[in-house]
Amino acid sequence: MDLRIELRGSLADIDPEAWDALTGDHDPFVEHAFLRGLETSQSVGEEAGWVPVHVTVWDGERLIGALPLYAKDNSWGEFIFDFAWARAAGQAGVHYYPKLVSMAPFTPATGRRFLLAEGVDEAAVRAGLIAGARAAADEIGASSIHLLFLTDAERQQAVDLGLRPRLSVQFHWENEGYASFDDYLRRFRSRKRKQVAKERRSVADAGLDIRLLEGPELGDVEWRAVVRFYRANCHAHGSYPYLTPRFFEELRETHAHRVLVAMAFVDDVPQAASINFTKGDHLYGRYWGCSDHFEHLHFELCYYRLIEHAIERGITHFEAGAQGFHKLQRGLLPTEIHSAHWIRDPSLARAVNAFLPSEAMSVKAEIAHLTERSPFHRS
C-alpha cells in the first residue's frame, strides 16, 4: 500500500458510503450522517469551539482509515474532563488550548475512534492516523491529543502508539440473557425489586400514554417536542444547548433510522421524552426532557422502558450516558471507560503521567465499591 494521509476540515467532500464502510456494527455516532449533521447545523465549528480536522488515510482513491478529530479552545462537552490539567498548565505558563479531541462531539458513548477498512494493514493505518493527528497538532500548535471513550482494544492500541491511558467510570447495562423484564427483576434483591415495581406503578397510575417510537414514526409534533424537551432540560441544569434546532432537522432527514424515542403523552400531547440511538445490538440513551413533572417518569423513559425494549429485541448492551449514581439502583453497573492522551510539553506530560496511575487506582476502587451496592443478588 502507498498510504496518503490527509486532514479534512469537513466531511462534505467524503463519500458517505465510503466513510460508513469504516464505522463498524454498533456505533451510530461516528456515521457520516451524524457527524456531518453536526457540521451543517453549526453545532460544531468555530463558534461552538469544535473545529473539524478529521484525519483520513487513503490508498490511492480509496478511503481506508479515518480518525474523527476536532480542534478545541475549551474542555466543555467532552465528559472525560481535563479542567485540572488546563489549570495546571496555566499555572506553569503552558498554553493548554488549542487541543485536539477525538470523539463524537457532546456524546459520551464508547466506540471506535480508529475507523478502518476491512482487509488493510490495521497497524499501519492506525500509525498513519496518529501521525496525522500529530501533524495536525503541529500545524495548529495544539498542546495535546485526547482520544476519548475508546474500546478496550483501542486503548491498548493507542498505548502501543505512545499515548498514555486514563480510566473513568460510567454505568452500563448488559443483557445476561433475560427472558423478560420480570425475569430481569427477579435477579434483584427483594427491597430493590419492590422499589422498581413501585416506581413503575406510580407512572402507570398517572394515566400517561407511553410510546416507543422509531425515528421515521415521529411526526412534526413529536420532533418539535424532542427539540423543546432537549433545550428545556439543558436550561434546567444550567448547561448550554450544544445541538442547534437545525441539527434535529438534519437528524430527521438523514439519521432518523438510528433514533428511538420513549415519549409520554396526555391526550396525544407530548409531556416528556428520552431520545436514544440504536445500531446493531447496542442502544444508547442520550437526551431527556419534560414539560411537566411526573414522579418517577424519568426512570421509566430513560431506563425501565428501554431495558424492557432491549430484552424484547435481543439488544446486548445499553449505555445511558455519563454520570448518575441513580443508574446503579436500576441495574446499570459501573464500567471502566478508557481514554488515551498525548501531551506536548514535557513537564506537564510528566505531571499528568505521574497522576494517571493513582487516578486509575481510585477509579477501580470506586467501581468495586459501587458494584457491592448494586441491586442484584450477591450470588
Foldseek 3Di string as FASTA:
>chain_A
DPKDKAWDQACPPPDQVLQQLQFDFWDPLSRNLNLNLCVVQVLDDDVVQWTWGKMWMDDVPHTFKIATKTWGFDQPQAQVGDVVLCVVCVVVVHHQPGAMETDRGSFQAAGARIRGHPPDPSLVSVLSRVVSRVVVCVVVVHFKYKYFRYDPVVLVSVVVSPWAKFKDKAFKAFCPLAQFLVSVLVQFDPVLSVVVVVLVVQVVVVPKDKDKDQQVRDDPQRLVVVVVFQCVVCVVVVHDSSRDSSSSVSCSVPPRRQWIKIFIDDVNHTFKIWIWGTGRLEIETRGIGGDDDRGSVCCVHQPVVVVRVSSVVVRGMYGRDGDDLVVQSRPGAMDMGMMTMDGDDVVSVVVVNVPRVVNVVVNVVVRVVSVVVGRGDPD
